Every structure is written in structure tokens, then in C-alpha cells.
């Protein structure tokens, strides 16, 4: 899957990865996919919680070398 936008939030601590994801998702069309790169240890909790609270769909998470990539589909 090719994301519509990618945000690199590596090096940022909670709550900045979620805030950057929120801002990016608001700028995307409904159904668009955001790729978020984050190395904050709390993002593994914060991103799924953010998605469940806002109606966005967490499509998946993959482990990279020292970071995780989250794929999020914007709610309609």
C-alpha cells in the first residue's frame, strides 16, 4: 500500500507524534492513508488509542530499525 502522505516523527516524544498525525490527517481527504514513523516508546499505546478515539482506522504497524511505522486511514 502506498500512503498518501508520510510524517517522520522520529526523535519526537509524547504527545508530539500524535499531534503531528492529527494535523496531517485533518489535511487529508477521507479514506486517505497516512504513514507515521515514530520512535517514541509510548507511540505504541498512543497511536492505537488516538485512532479508536477519533474514528481513524489503524491499518497496521511495522517494526523498523529503531522505529515503528503506523499506517492510518483517515475517517470519513
C-alpha atoms as a PDB file:
ATOM      1  CA  UNK A   1       0.000   0.000   0.000  1.00  0.00           C
ATOM      2  CA  UNK A   2       1.321   3.424  -0.925  1.00  0.00           C
ATOM      3  CA  UNK A   3       0.409   6.077   1.648  1.00  0.00           C
ATOM      4  CA  UNK A   4      -0.940   9.438   0.532  1.00  0.00           C
ATOM      5  CA  UNK A   5       1.341  11.234   2.993  1.00  0.00           C
ATOM      6  CA  UNK A   6       4.251  10.332   5.250  1.00  0.00           C
ATOM      7  CA  UNK A   7       5.176  12.051   8.511  1.00  0.00           C
ATOM      8  CA  UNK A   8       8.562  11.448  10.121  1.00  0.00           C
ATOM      9  CA  UNK A   9       8.087  11.927  13.872  1.00  0.00           C
ATOM     10  CA  UNK A  10      11.283  10.126  14.865  1.00  0.00           C
ATOM     11  CA  UNK A  11      13.034  11.895  17.697  1.00  0.00           C
ATOM     12  CA  UNK A  12       9.797  13.434  18.986  1.00  0.00           C
ATOM     13  CA  UNK A  13       8.349  12.485  22.342  1.00  0.00           C
ATOM     14  CA  UNK A  14       4.754  12.092  23.508  1.00  0.00           C
ATOM     15  CA  UNK A  15       2.425  13.779  22.647  1.00  0.00           C
ATOM     16  CA  UNK A  16       4.105  15.195  19.522  1.00  0.00           C
ATOM     17  CA  UNK A  17       3.791  12.104  17.253  1.00  0.00           C
ATOM     18  CA  UNK A  18       0.023  12.007  17.871  1.00  0.00           C
ATOM     19  CA  UNK A  19      -0.323  15.763  17.387  1.00  0.00           C
ATOM     20  CA  UNK A  20       1.577  15.602  14.093  1.00  0.00           C
ATOM     21  CA  UNK A  21      -0.578  12.677  12.953  1.00  0.00           C
ATOM     22  CA  UNK A  22      -3.747  14.552  13.894  1.00  0.00           C
ATOM     23  CA  UNK A  23      -2.710  17.650  11.955  1.00  0.00           C
ATOM     24  CA  UNK A  24      -1.700  15.623   8.893  1.00  0.00           C
ATOM     25  CA  UNK A  25      -4.919  13.583   8.914  1.00  0.00           C
ATOM     26  CA  UNK A  26      -7.055  16.724   9.084  1.00  0.00           C
ATOM     27  CA  UNK A  27      -5.401  17.925   5.874  1.00  0.00           C
ATOM     28  CA  UNK A  28      -6.092  14.643   4.041  1.00  0.00           C
ATOM     29  CA  UNK A  29      -9.265  13.601   2.257  1.00  0.00           C
ATOM     30  CA  UNK A  30     -11.467  10.974   3.934  1.00  0.00           C
ATOM     31  CA  UNK A  31     -10.125   7.495   3.180  1.00  0.00           C
ATOM     32  CA  UNK A  32      -6.577   8.723   2.550  1.00  0.00           C
ATOM     33  CA  UNK A  33      -3.730   6.860   4.233  1.00  0.00           C
ATOM     34  CA  UNK A  34      -1.045   8.404   6.425  1.00  0.00           C
ATOM     35  CA  UNK A  35       2.275   6.724   7.177  1.00  0.00           C
ATOM     36  CA  UNK A  36       3.699   7.839  10.525  1.00  0.00           C
ATOM     37  CA  UNK A  37       7.269   6.994  11.530  1.00  0.00           C
ATOM     38  CA  UNK A  38       7.836   7.210  15.283  1.00  0.00           C
ATOM     39  CA  UNK A  39      10.459   6.008  17.722  1.00  0.00           C
ATOM     40  CA  UNK A  40       8.776   7.178  20.928  1.00  0.00           C
ATOM     41  CA  UNK A  41       8.135   4.131  23.135  1.00  0.00           C
ATOM     42  CA  UNK A  42       4.687   5.441  24.108  1.00  0.00           C
ATOM     43  CA  UNK A  43       3.525   5.730  20.491  1.00  0.00           C
ATOM     44  CA  UNK A  44       2.683   2.005  20.508  1.00  0.00           C
ATOM     45  CA  UNK A  45      -0.028   2.872  23.048  1.00  0.00           C
ATOM     46  CA  UNK A  46      -0.860   6.418  21.969  1.00  0.00           C
ATOM     47  CA  UNK A  47      -1.421   5.858  18.233  1.00  0.00           C
ATOM     48  CA  UNK A  48      -3.977   2.999  18.570  1.00  0.00           C
ATOM     49  CA  UNK A  49      -5.749   4.938  21.337  1.00  0.00           C
ATOM     50  CA  UNK A  50      -5.826   8.092  19.194  1.00  0.00           C
ATOM     51  CA  UNK A  51      -7.298   6.125  16.274  1.00  0.00           C
ATOM     52  CA  UNK A  52     -10.000   4.489  18.387  1.00  0.00           C
ATOM     53  CA  UNK A  53     -10.981   7.829  19.930  1.00  0.00           C
ATOM     54  CA  UNK A  54     -11.148   9.723  16.622  1.00  0.00           C
ATOM     55  CA  UNK A  55     -12.593   7.059  14.327  1.00  0.00           C
ATOM     56  CA  UNK A  56      -9.491   6.741  12.155  1.00  0.00           C
ATOM     57  CA  UNK A  57      -8.520   3.206  11.182  1.00  0.00           C
ATOM     58  CA  UNK A  58      -5.137   1.853  12.222  1.00  0.00           C
ATOM     59  CA  UNK A  59      -4.312  -0.358   9.254  1.00  0.00           C
ATOM     60  CA  UNK A  60      -1.156  -1.770  10.735  1.00  0.00           C
ATOM     61  CA  UNK A  61       2.193  -1.241  12.354  1.00  0.00           C
ATOM     62  CA  UNK A  62       5.587  -2.491  11.250  1.00  0.00           C
ATOM     63  CA  UNK A  63       8.887  -2.542  13.090  1.00  0.00           C
ATOM     64  CA  UNK A  64      11.806  -0.732  11.521  1.00  0.00           C
ATOM     65  CA  UNK A  65      15.359  -0.369  12.769  1.00  0.00           C
ATOM     66  CA  UNK A  66      14.772   1.638  15.956  1.00  0.00           C
ATOM     67  CA  UNK A  67      11.325   2.935  14.975  1.00  0.00           C
ATOM     68  CA  UNK A  68       7.817   1.831  14.021  1.00  0.00           C
ATOM     69  CA  UNK A  69       5.728   2.761  11.002  1.00  0.00           C
ATOM     70  CA  UNK A  70       1.999   3.184  11.566  1.00  0.00           C
ATOM     71  CA  UNK A  71      -0.458   3.203   8.673  1.00  0.00           C
ATOM     72  CA  UNK A  72      -3.614   5.160   9.461  1.00  0.00           C
ATOM     73  CA  UNK A  73      -6.674   5.601   7.222  1.00  0.00           C
ATOM     74  CA  UNK A  74      -8.493   8.908   7.718  1.00  0.00           C
ATOM     75  CA  UNK A  75     -12.078   8.596   8.876  1.00  0.00           C
ATOM     76  CA  UNK A  76     -14.831   9.746   6.565  1.00  0.00           C
END
